[in-house]
Amino acid sequence: QVQLVESGGGLVQPGGSLRLSCAASGSIFSINYMAWYRQAPGKQRELVAGITSGGSTNYADSVKGRFTIPRDNAKNTVYLQMSSLKPEDTAVYYCNAVQFGMAYWGKGTLVTVSS
C-alpha cells in the first residue's frame, strides 16, 4: 500500500506561482511513475505532469513551459512547481502513484487562481 498526501494548495492571483507537494509513504519501493492530475468543476480529471522512476517527464500541452515536476528522492516527495498561473488552472490537484500496475491517489488539494 502506498499513501499519498498532497499539500500546498491555496488562492493565488493570475500570473502568480505556487508549489504543490506530494509525500509518499508506506510500501514505496518500485513506484514506477508519479504524476499530478487535476479536476476542474464539471470537467474530467486530466493528467497535468508525470515523472518516471528513471526521471523522464511528461506534461500536458496546456502547462508546458509553466509547470515542472521536480522530485526529492530522499524525502519521497514529488512537487508540482506552477508558474504563470491562469484562472483556467483552477482545480483540485491530485497526486498519483503507480506501483506494480496499481494506481494510488491522494485526496487532493484545491488551487484557485483568481484576482
C-alpha atoms as a PDB file:
ATOM      1  CA  GLN A   1       0.000   0.000   0.000  1.00  0.00           C
ATOM      2  CA  VAL A   2       1.141   3.497  -0.847  1.00  0.00           C
ATOM      3  CA  GLN A   3      -0.164   6.568   0.916  1.00  0.00           C
ATOM      4  CA  LEU A   4      -0.001   9.947  -0.767  1.00  0.00           C
ATOM      5  CA  VAL A   5      -0.550  13.282   0.962  1.00  0.00           C
ATOM      6  CA  GLU A   6      -0.753  16.497  -1.013  1.00  0.00           C
ATOM      7  CA  SER A   7      -0.189  19.963   0.346  1.00  0.00           C
ATOM      8  CA  GLY A   8       0.442  23.482  -0.867  1.00  0.00           C
ATOM      9  CA  GLY A   9      -2.843  24.434  -2.485  1.00  0.00           C
ATOM     10  CA  GLY A  10      -4.478  27.779  -1.999  1.00  0.00           C
ATOM     11  CA  LEU A  11      -5.578  31.021  -3.591  1.00  0.00           C
ATOM     12  CA  VAL A  12      -3.190  32.736  -5.978  1.00  0.00           C
ATOM     13  CA  GLN A  13      -3.551  35.654  -8.360  1.00  0.00           C
ATOM     14  CA  PRO A  14      -3.266  35.218 -12.128  1.00  0.00           C
ATOM     15  CA  GLY A  15       0.373  35.269 -13.134  1.00  0.00           C
ATOM     16  CA  GLY A  16       1.466  34.014  -9.737  1.00  0.00           C
ATOM     17  CA  SER A  17       3.293  30.890  -8.667  1.00  0.00           C
ATOM     18  CA  LEU A  18       2.571  28.019  -6.344  1.00  0.00           C
ATOM     19  CA  ARG A  19       4.298  24.793  -5.384  1.00  0.00           C
ATOM     20  CA  LEU A  20       2.392  21.652  -4.518  1.00  0.00           C
ATOM     21  CA  SER A  21       3.957  18.784  -2.614  1.00  0.00           C
ATOM     22  CA  CYS A  22       3.100  15.093  -2.618  1.00  0.00           C
ATOM     23  CA  ALA A  23       4.665  12.989   0.121  1.00  0.00           C
ATOM     24  CA  ALA A  24       4.642   9.238  -0.414  1.00  0.00           C
ATOM     25  CA  SER A  25       4.767   6.733   2.436  1.00  0.00           C
ATOM     26  CA  GLY A  26       4.143   3.070   3.050  1.00  0.00           C
ATOM     27  CA  SER A  27       5.434   0.463   0.622  1.00  0.00           C
ATOM     28  CA  ILE A  28       7.040   2.952  -1.719  1.00  0.00           C
ATOM     29  CA  PHE A  29       9.628   0.671  -3.289  1.00  0.00           C
ATOM     30  CA  SER A  30       9.281   0.081  -7.024  1.00  0.00           C
ATOM     31  CA  ILE A  31       6.957   3.011  -7.650  1.00  0.00           C
ATOM     32  CA  ASN A  32       7.255   3.225 -11.413  1.00  0.00           C
ATOM     33  CA  TYR A  33       5.575   6.533 -12.044  1.00  0.00           C
ATOM     34  CA  MET A  34       4.245   9.508 -10.134  1.00  0.00           C
ATOM     35  CA  ALA A  35       2.048  12.196 -11.533  1.00  0.00           C
ATOM     36  CA  TRP A  36      -0.190  15.137 -10.863  1.00  0.00           C
ATOM     37  CA  TYR A  37      -3.734  15.203 -12.182  1.00  0.00           C
ATOM     38  CA  ARG A  38      -6.332  17.894 -11.831  1.00  0.00           C
ATOM     39  CA  GLN A  39     -10.081  18.105 -11.986  1.00  0.00           C
ATOM     40  CA  ALA A  40     -11.910  21.364 -12.556  1.00  0.00           C
ATOM     41  CA  PRO A  41     -15.607  21.739 -11.704  1.00  0.00           C
ATOM     42  CA  GLY A  42     -17.733  19.980 -14.273  1.00  0.00           C
ATOM     43  CA  LYS A  43     -14.737  18.527 -16.094  1.00  0.00           C
ATOM     44  CA  GLN A  44     -12.996  15.184 -16.209  1.00  0.00           C
ATOM     45  CA  ARG A  45      -9.795  14.540 -14.342  1.00  0.00           C
ATOM     46  CA  GLU A  46      -6.792  15.168 -16.570  1.00  0.00           C
ATOM     47  CA  LEU A  47      -3.094  14.454 -16.423  1.00  0.00           C
ATOM     48  CA  VAL A  48      -1.000  17.536 -15.713  1.00  0.00           C
ATOM     49  CA  ALA A  49       2.535  16.177 -15.362  1.00  0.00           C
ATOM     50  CA  GLY A  50       4.288  12.914 -14.623  1.00  0.00           C
ATOM     51  CA  ILE A  51       7.723  11.567 -13.841  1.00  0.00           C
ATOM     52  CA  THR A  52       9.050   8.035 -14.170  1.00  0.00           C
ATOM     53  CA  SER A  53      11.392   6.297 -11.769  1.00  0.00           C
ATOM     54  CA  GLY A  54      14.115   6.989 -14.314  1.00  0.00           C
ATOM     55  CA  GLY A  55      13.434  10.701 -14.279  1.00  0.00           C
ATOM     56  CA  SER A  56      11.645  11.090 -17.617  1.00  0.00           C
ATOM     57  CA  THR A  57       8.880  13.653 -17.504  1.00  0.00           C
ATOM     58  CA  ASN A  58       5.743  14.369 -19.485  1.00  0.00           C
ATOM     59  CA  TYR A  59       3.440  17.371 -19.418  1.00  0.00           C
ATOM     60  CA  ALA A  60       0.023  18.325 -20.677  1.00  0.00           C
ATOM     61  CA  ASP A  61       0.278  20.769 -23.557  1.00  0.00           C
ATOM     62  CA  SER A  62      -1.662  23.336 -21.535  1.00  0.00           C
ATOM     63  CA  VAL A  63       1.061  23.537 -18.865  1.00  0.00           C
ATOM     64  CA  LYS A  64       4.254  23.065 -20.862  1.00  0.00           C
ATOM     65  CA  GLY A  65       6.706  25.830 -20.128  1.00  0.00           C
ATOM     66  CA  ARG A  66       4.798  26.867 -16.996  1.00  0.00           C
ATOM     67  CA  PHE A  67       4.819  23.788 -14.734  1.00  0.00           C
ATOM     68  CA  THR A  68       7.575  21.420 -13.714  1.00  0.00           C
ATOM     69  CA  ILE A  69       7.565  18.214 -11.681  1.00  0.00           C
ATOM     70  CA  PRO A  70      10.740  18.007  -9.616  1.00  0.00           C
ATOM     71  CA  ARG A  71      11.208  15.299  -7.019  1.00  0.00           C
ATOM     72  CA  ASP A  72      13.250  14.736  -3.895  1.00  0.00           C
ATOM     73  CA  ASN A  73      14.016  11.030  -3.575  1.00  0.00           C
ATOM     74  CA  ALA A  74      15.467  11.438  -0.096  1.00  0.00           C
ATOM     75  CA  LYS A  75      12.138  12.832   1.094  1.00  0.00           C
ATOM     76  CA  ASN A  76       9.974  10.547  -1.065  1.00  0.00           C
ATOM     77  CA  THR A  77       8.306  13.691  -2.302  1.00  0.00           C
ATOM     78  CA  VAL A  78       7.243  14.907  -5.707  1.00  0.00           C
ATOM     79  CA  TYR A  79       6.424  18.545  -6.318  1.00  0.00           C
ATOM     80  CA  LEU A  80       4.437  20.453  -8.875  1.00  0.00           C
ATOM     81  CA  GLN A  81       6.027  23.826  -9.422  1.00  0.00           C
ATOM     82  CA  MET A  82       3.476  26.059 -11.092  1.00  0.00           C
ATOM     83  CA  SER A  83       4.158  29.496 -12.513  1.00  0.00           C
ATOM     84  CA  SER A  84       2.337  31.984 -14.752  1.00  0.00           C
ATOM     85  CA  LEU A  85      -0.888  30.623 -13.341  1.00  0.00           C
ATOM     86  CA  LYS A  86      -4.122  31.254 -15.192  1.00  0.00           C
ATOM     87  CA  PRO A  87      -7.737  31.171 -13.996  1.00  0.00           C
ATOM     88  CA  GLU A  88      -8.212  28.019 -16.069  1.00  0.00           C
ATOM     89  CA  ASP A  89      -5.652  26.271 -13.857  1.00  0.00           C
ATOM     90  CA  THR A  90      -8.200  26.381 -11.044  1.00  0.00           C
ATOM     91  CA  ALA A  91      -8.901  22.798  -9.990  1.00  0.00           C
ATOM     92  CA  VAL A  92      -8.406  20.175  -7.357  1.00  0.00           C
ATOM     93  CA  TYR A  93      -4.948  18.719  -7.908  1.00  0.00           C
ATOM     94  CA  TYR A  94      -4.387  15.053  -7.144  1.00  0.00           C
ATOM     95  CA  CYS A  95      -1.173  13.141  -6.688  1.00  0.00           C
ATOM     96  CA  ASN A  96      -0.965   9.717  -8.327  1.00  0.00           C
ATOM     97  CA  ALA A  97       1.493   6.852  -7.992  1.00  0.00           C
ATOM     98  CA  VAL A  98       1.711   3.626  -9.975  1.00  0.00           C
ATOM     99  CA  GLN A  99       3.287   0.541  -8.450  1.00  0.00           C
ATOM    100  CA  PHE A 100       3.074  -2.996  -9.853  1.00  0.00           C
ATOM    101  CA  GLY A 101       0.200  -1.880 -12.071  1.00  0.00           C
ATOM    102  CA  MET A 102      -1.788  -0.470  -9.170  1.00  0.00           C
ATOM    103  CA  ALA A 103      -2.740   3.202  -9.054  1.00  0.00           C
ATOM    104  CA  TYR A 104      -2.825   5.107  -5.789  1.00  0.00           C
ATOM    105  CA  TRP A 105      -4.340   8.533  -5.246  1.00  0.00           C
ATOM    106  CA  GLY A 106      -4.106  11.297  -2.717  1.00  0.00           C
ATOM    107  CA  LYS A 107      -7.164  13.166  -1.510  1.00  0.00           C
ATOM    108  CA  GLY A 108      -6.348  16.288  -3.495  1.00  0.00           C
ATOM    109  CA  THR A 109      -5.553  19.900  -2.807  1.00  0.00           C
ATOM    110  CA  LEU A 110      -7.506  22.860  -4.165  1.00  0.00           C
ATOM    111  CA  VAL A 111      -5.803  25.505  -6.270  1.00  0.00           C
ATOM    112  CA  THR A 112      -7.793  28.626  -7.036  1.00  0.00           C
ATOM    113  CA  VAL A 113      -6.414  31.203  -9.460  1.00  0.00           C
ATOM    114  CA  SER A 114      -8.363  34.403  -9.131  1.00  0.00           C
ATOM    115  CA  SER A 115      -7.913  38.109  -8.637  1.00  0.00           C
END
